Protein backbone atom coordinates (compact mmCIF):
# COMPACT_ATOMS: atom_id res chain seq x y z
CA MET A 1 -11.54 -0.15 9.79
CA PHE A 2 -9.01 2.41 8.56
CA GLY A 3 -11.01 3.59 5.56
CA ALA A 4 -11.45 1.99 2.16
CA ILE A 5 -8.79 3.76 0.08
CA LEU A 6 -5.37 3.61 1.71
CA THR A 7 -2.55 4.95 -0.43
CA ALA A 8 0.84 3.24 -0.25
CA MET A 9 2.70 6.52 -0.57
CA VAL A 10 5.91 7.12 -2.52
CA THR A 11 8.91 8.67 -0.78
CA PRO A 12 10.16 11.77 -2.65
CA PHE A 13 13.93 12.28 -2.68
CA ASP A 14 15.91 15.48 -3.18
CA ALA A 15 18.94 15.98 -5.43
CA ASP A 16 21.15 14.28 -2.85
CA LEU A 17 18.74 11.33 -2.56
CA ARG A 18 17.71 12.35 0.92
CA VAL A 19 14.05 12.24 1.99
CA ASP A 20 12.48 15.46 0.69
CA GLU A 21 10.33 16.48 3.65
CA GLY A 22 8.67 19.40 1.92
CA ALA A 23 7.59 17.30 -1.05
CA THR A 24 6.49 14.50 1.26
CA VAL A 25 4.26 16.80 3.30
CA ALA A 26 2.74 18.38 0.19
CA LEU A 27 1.99 14.96 -1.26
CA MET A 28 0.40 13.75 1.97
CA HIS A 29 -2.04 16.66 1.98
CA HIS A 30 -2.74 16.26 -1.73
CA LEU A 31 -3.62 12.60 -1.28
CA LEU A 32 -5.98 13.24 1.60
CA GLY A 33 -7.68 15.92 -0.48
CA HIS A 34 -8.08 13.60 -3.47
CA GLY A 35 -9.71 10.44 -2.22
CA SER A 36 -7.29 8.77 0.19
CA ASP A 37 -8.77 7.77 3.54
CA GLY A 38 -5.38 7.04 5.07
CA LEU A 39 -1.72 6.53 4.22
CA VAL A 40 0.77 3.70 4.38
CA VAL A 41 4.24 5.17 4.79
CA ALA A 42 7.64 3.62 4.10
CA GLY A 43 6.11 0.65 2.32
CA THR A 44 7.20 -1.08 -0.88
CA THR A 45 5.98 1.88 -2.94
CA GLY A 46 7.83 4.13 -0.49
CA GLU A 47 11.09 2.27 -1.25
CA ALA A 48 11.36 0.77 2.21
CA SER A 49 14.15 -1.57 1.16
CA THR A 50 16.56 1.34 0.67
CA LEU A 51 15.42 3.51 3.59
CA THR A 52 17.40 3.49 6.81
CA ASP A 53 15.62 2.94 10.10
CA ALA A 54 16.16 6.62 10.93
CA GLU A 55 14.47 7.61 7.67
CA LYS A 56 11.53 5.31 8.32
CA LEU A 57 11.06 6.84 11.75
CA GLN A 58 11.37 10.28 10.17
CA LEU A 59 8.50 9.40 7.82
CA TYR A 60 6.33 7.92 10.57
CA ALA A 61 6.80 11.05 12.69
CA LEU A 62 6.22 13.38 9.75
CA ALA A 63 2.98 11.65 8.81
CA LYS A 64 1.66 11.73 12.37
CA ARG A 65 2.55 15.40 12.73
CA GLU A 66 0.98 16.41 9.44
CA ILE A 67 -2.09 14.23 9.02
CA GLY A 68 -2.40 12.19 12.19
CA ASP A 69 -5.49 14.04 13.38
CA ALA A 70 -7.18 13.80 9.99
CA ALA A 71 -6.51 10.25 8.83
CA PRO A 72 -4.92 6.99 9.96
CA VAL A 73 -1.18 6.55 9.54
CA ILE A 74 -0.10 2.98 8.91
CA ALA A 75 3.62 2.39 9.24
CA ASN A 76 5.31 -0.35 7.27
CA THR A 77 7.49 -2.14 9.83
CA GLY A 78 7.85 -5.52 8.18
CA SER A 79 11.11 -7.25 7.28
CA ASN A 80 12.50 -10.78 7.18
CA ASP A 81 14.09 -10.26 10.61
CA THR A 82 11.55 -10.62 13.43
CA ALA A 83 13.57 -8.68 16.00
CA HIS A 84 14.03 -5.81 13.54
CA SER A 85 10.30 -5.77 12.73
CA VAL A 86 9.42 -5.73 16.42
CA HIS A 87 11.84 -2.86 17.02
CA LEU A 88 10.34 -0.76 14.23
CA THR A 89 6.83 -1.56 15.46
CA GLU A 90 7.75 -0.41 18.96
CA GLN A 91 9.07 2.84 17.50
CA ALA A 92 5.91 3.29 15.40
CA ALA A 93 3.81 2.79 18.53
CA ALA A 94 5.86 5.36 20.44
CA LEU A 95 5.31 7.86 17.63
CA GLY A 96 1.55 7.35 17.74
CA CYS A 97 1.01 5.45 14.48
CA ASP A 98 -2.43 3.91 14.16
CA ALA A 99 -1.39 0.51 12.82
CA VAL A 100 1.45 -1.31 11.10
CA LEU A 101 1.78 -3.25 7.88
CA ALA A 102 4.02 -6.30 8.14
CA VAL A 103 5.08 -8.40 5.16
CA THR A 104 5.53 -12.16 5.09
CA PRO A 105 9.20 -12.84 5.91
CA TYR A 106 10.98 -12.97 2.58
CA TYR A 107 14.14 -14.84 1.52
CA ASN A 108 14.36 -16.90 4.76
CA LYS A 109 11.40 -19.10 3.69
CA PRO A 110 10.39 -20.00 7.26
CA PRO A 111 8.01 -22.89 7.95
CA ARG A 112 4.44 -22.26 9.06
CA GLU A 113 5.42 -22.26 12.73
CA GLY A 114 8.02 -19.57 12.10
CA ILE A 115 5.58 -17.43 10.14
CA VAL A 116 3.01 -17.57 12.93
CA ALA A 117 5.62 -16.82 15.60
CA HIS A 118 6.97 -13.91 13.53
CA PHE A 119 3.60 -12.18 13.28
CA ALA A 120 2.71 -12.99 16.88
CA ALA A 121 5.86 -11.21 18.06
CA ILE A 122 4.99 -8.11 16.03
CA ALA A 123 1.39 -8.15 17.26
CA ALA A 124 2.56 -8.43 20.88
CA VAL A 125 3.75 -4.81 20.69
CA GLY A 126 0.09 -3.79 20.84
CA LEU A 127 -0.62 -1.93 17.61
CA PRO A 128 -3.14 -3.29 15.10
CA VAL A 129 -1.31 -5.35 12.48
CA ILE A 130 -2.22 -5.74 8.81
CA VAL A 131 -0.45 -8.80 7.43
CA TYR A 132 0.96 -8.27 3.93
CA ASN A 133 0.65 -11.37 1.76
CA ILE A 134 2.63 -10.83 -1.45
CA PRO A 135 4.05 -14.14 -2.72
CA GLY A 136 5.42 -12.45 -5.83
CA ARG A 137 7.99 -10.67 -3.66
CA SER A 138 8.21 -12.84 -0.56
CA VAL A 139 8.12 -16.29 -2.28
CA LEU A 140 5.77 -17.67 0.39
CA ASN A 141 1.99 -17.52 0.07
CA LEU A 142 -0.10 -17.22 3.22
CA GLU A 143 -2.87 -19.69 2.46
CA PRO A 144 -6.35 -19.15 3.94
CA THR A 145 -5.71 -21.70 6.71
CA VAL A 146 -2.56 -19.83 7.78
CA LEU A 147 -4.40 -16.50 7.74
CA ALA A 148 -7.18 -18.05 9.82
CA GLU A 149 -4.57 -19.07 12.39
CA LEU A 150 -3.05 -15.58 12.35
CA ALA A 151 -6.50 -14.05 12.83
CA GLU A 152 -6.70 -15.76 16.23
CA ILE A 153 -3.72 -13.72 17.46
CA PRO A 154 -4.74 -10.55 19.34
CA ASN A 155 -4.05 -7.33 17.39
CA ILE A 156 -3.82 -9.00 13.96
CA VAL A 157 -6.77 -7.30 12.33
CA GLY A 158 -6.35 -7.38 8.57
CA VAL A 159 -4.58 -8.68 5.51
CA LYS A 160 -3.30 -6.91 2.41
CA GLN A 161 -3.87 -9.63 -0.15
CA ALA A 162 -1.60 -9.18 -3.18
CA HIS A 163 -2.26 -12.61 -4.65
CA GLU A 164 -4.45 -13.06 -7.70
CA ASP A 165 -5.93 -16.44 -6.75
CA LEU A 166 -9.63 -15.53 -6.55
CA ASP A 167 -10.56 -18.79 -4.83
CA GLU A 168 -8.19 -17.98 -1.99
CA LEU A 169 -9.44 -14.38 -1.89
CA ARG A 170 -13.02 -15.65 -1.66
CA ALA A 171 -12.13 -18.03 1.15
CA ILE A 172 -10.39 -15.27 3.13
CA CYS A 173 -13.26 -12.83 2.67
CA ASN A 174 -15.90 -15.44 3.49
CA ALA A 175 -14.14 -16.32 6.75
CA ARG A 176 -14.80 -12.77 8.03
CA ASP A 177 -11.90 -13.14 10.46
CA LEU A 178 -9.78 -10.32 9.02
CA ALA A 179 -10.37 -7.01 7.26
CA VAL A 180 -9.33 -7.82 3.70
CA TYR A 181 -7.61 -5.13 1.64
CA ALA A 182 -6.76 -5.63 -2.01
CA GLY A 183 -3.01 -5.50 -2.42
CA ASN A 184 -3.23 -4.98 -6.16
CA ASP A 185 -5.28 -2.18 -7.65
CA ASP A 186 -7.03 -4.50 -10.07
CA LEU A 187 -8.31 -6.60 -7.15
CA LEU A 188 -10.32 -3.75 -5.61
CA LEU A 189 -13.52 -4.69 -7.44
CA ALA A 190 -13.28 -8.35 -6.44
CA VAL A 191 -12.56 -7.44 -2.81
CA THR A 192 -15.49 -5.02 -2.82
CA GLU A 193 -17.89 -7.59 -4.28
CA LEU A 194 -16.79 -10.07 -1.61
CA GLY A 195 -17.42 -7.61 1.22
CA GLY A 196 -13.80 -6.72 1.92
CA ALA A 197 -12.44 -3.56 3.49
CA GLY A 198 -10.95 -1.76 0.46
CA VAL A 199 -7.53 -1.40 -1.10
CA ILE A 200 -3.97 -0.45 -0.21
CA SER A 201 -3.24 1.22 -3.48
CA VAL A 202 -0.67 2.66 -5.86
CA ALA A 203 -3.08 4.08 -8.45
CA SER A 204 -4.92 6.07 -5.77
CA HIS A 205 -2.08 8.60 -6.00
CA LEU A 206 -3.79 9.54 -9.28
CA VAL A 207 -7.39 8.28 -9.13
CA GLY A 208 -8.23 8.00 -5.46
CA ARG A 209 -11.67 9.50 -5.88
CA GLU A 210 -12.57 7.14 -8.71
CA MET A 211 -11.39 4.15 -6.69
CA GLY A 212 -13.46 5.40 -3.77
CA GLU A 213 -16.46 5.48 -6.11
CA ILE A 214 -15.86 1.83 -7.06
CA TYR A 215 -15.95 0.86 -3.41
CA ALA A 216 -18.91 3.05 -2.50
CA ALA A 217 -20.96 1.84 -5.46
CA GLY A 218 -20.07 -1.77 -4.76
CA ILE A 219 -21.06 -1.78 -1.10
CA ALA A 220 -24.26 0.08 -2.00
CA GLY A 221 -25.17 -2.73 -4.37
CA ASP A 222 -24.65 -0.79 -7.57
CA LEU A 223 -22.31 -3.34 -9.08
CA GLU A 224 -22.95 -2.17 -12.63
CA ARG A 225 -21.49 1.24 -11.81
CA ALA A 226 -18.62 -0.24 -9.79
CA ARG A 227 -17.71 -2.56 -12.65
CA ALA A 228 -17.91 0.21 -15.22
CA ILE A 229 -15.54 2.48 -13.30
CA ASP A 230 -13.17 -0.41 -12.65
CA ALA A 231 -13.14 -1.35 -16.34
CA SER A 232 -12.30 2.24 -17.28
CA LEU A 233 -9.20 2.16 -15.04
CA GLN A 234 -7.71 -1.16 -16.15
CA ASP A 235 -5.34 0.42 -18.68
CA LEU A 236 -4.07 2.85 -16.05
CA TYR A 237 -3.49 0.04 -13.56
CA ALA A 238 -1.53 -1.84 -16.22
CA ALA A 239 0.48 1.20 -17.30
CA LEU A 240 1.70 1.79 -13.76
CA PHE A 241 3.17 -1.71 -13.69
CA VAL A 242 4.87 -1.92 -17.09
CA THR A 243 8.02 -2.12 -15.00
CA ALA A 244 8.72 -2.60 -11.30
CA ASN A 245 6.80 -0.48 -8.83
CA PRO A 246 7.28 2.36 -7.83
CA ILE A 247 9.17 3.48 -10.95
CA LEU A 248 6.13 4.53 -12.96
CA ILE A 249 4.01 6.01 -10.20
CA LYS A 250 6.94 8.28 -9.36
CA ALA A 251 7.25 9.22 -13.02
CA ALA A 252 3.53 10.02 -13.14
CA LEU A 253 3.68 12.18 -10.03
CA GLU A 254 6.67 14.06 -11.46
CA MET A 255 4.80 14.62 -14.76
CA LEU A 256 1.90 16.07 -12.78
CA GLY A 257 4.15 18.31 -10.69
CA LEU A 258 3.07 16.57 -7.50
CA ILE A 259 6.66 15.70 -6.64
CA PRO A 260 9.71 17.65 -7.87
CA SER A 261 11.53 14.61 -9.22
CA ASP A 262 11.11 10.89 -9.86
CA ARG A 263 14.57 10.16 -8.41
CA MET A 264 15.04 6.69 -6.99
CA ARG A 265 17.74 4.91 -5.05
CA LEU A 266 19.62 2.06 -6.68
CA PRO A 267 18.98 -0.68 -7.49
CA MET A 268 15.73 0.99 -8.62
CA VAL A 269 16.09 3.32 -11.59
CA GLN A 270 13.99 6.01 -13.22
CA ALA A 271 11.59 5.13 -16.02
CA SER A 272 13.04 4.71 -19.51
CA PRO A 273 11.90 6.99 -22.36
CA VAL A 274 9.73 4.17 -23.77
CA GLU A 275 8.12 3.51 -20.39
CA ARG A 276 7.46 7.21 -19.89
CA HIS A 277 5.86 7.44 -23.34
CA ILE A 278 3.50 4.55 -22.60
CA LEU A 279 2.58 6.07 -19.25
CA GLN A 280 2.13 9.57 -20.63
CA SER A 281 -0.22 8.30 -23.34
CA VAL A 282 -2.48 6.61 -20.78
CA LEU A 283 -2.42 9.63 -18.47
CA GLU A 284 -3.45 11.84 -21.39
CA GLN A 285 -6.25 9.49 -22.39
CA HIS A 286 -7.65 9.71 -18.86
CA GLY A 287 -7.30 13.50 -18.71
CA ILE A 288 -5.03 13.14 -15.71
CA LEU A 289 -2.23 15.33 -17.08
CA ALA A 290 -4.72 18.11 -17.77
CA ARG A 291 -5.54 18.27 -14.06
CA GLY A 292 -2.03 19.50 -13.38
């Protein structure tokens, strides 16, 4: 639908913790040249929770200007406030974004009826909507029956499934109602084997081509190759999540010189020396640091 490897892009900050436009643009072009089929901007990995609305719109506009003719731009517009999510979605549509990602309302813990109404209101704007199911952050899990109901709403086209229950993943994929994207890097193989759409990824900042090979091999029926590549990346996937995302992917990008700094806005903090050592060791083992 939007490509198989969609990178949930980090947001580089300058010394004053403002959005670093130059670094952002350079990273966008790097990602598209190294295996990403499209980009999700201002998402969890992009530190959406500490971006202002003006900064989110800045990122949407920047992405459309820089890569909008070459690849899909998916704007994260989700929040736990339906009116706010609708407003951001309207702005994303006005800026020409190709789709939006919208998370399950967190903290509020709405009942099923509220969840359905929330996503219906976002979808009514008219852009394609990928629902983001991440119970680890939002508390609520969108069970397959709820996703089936959401799939009946016009413009809801996909789900980013960041839930490790493989039975639920299988049920969602078998329903064929939504394009299913792995929401965790280590779910890409399972999603591929089940005929899903791909992954919305963190690790693809570093190994987008390899992840693309997993997907291509899997859909071509070469599961032995897909499984072998996936197995070789498991330690990298784990190393990037030794602590909360996006701390370590930013550290990795800074080590590689792909962003000038791994600065983050509080309450997120930069990687500790121990975390950096663990990450650096894995990057060296994979030959990633040698790529520069």
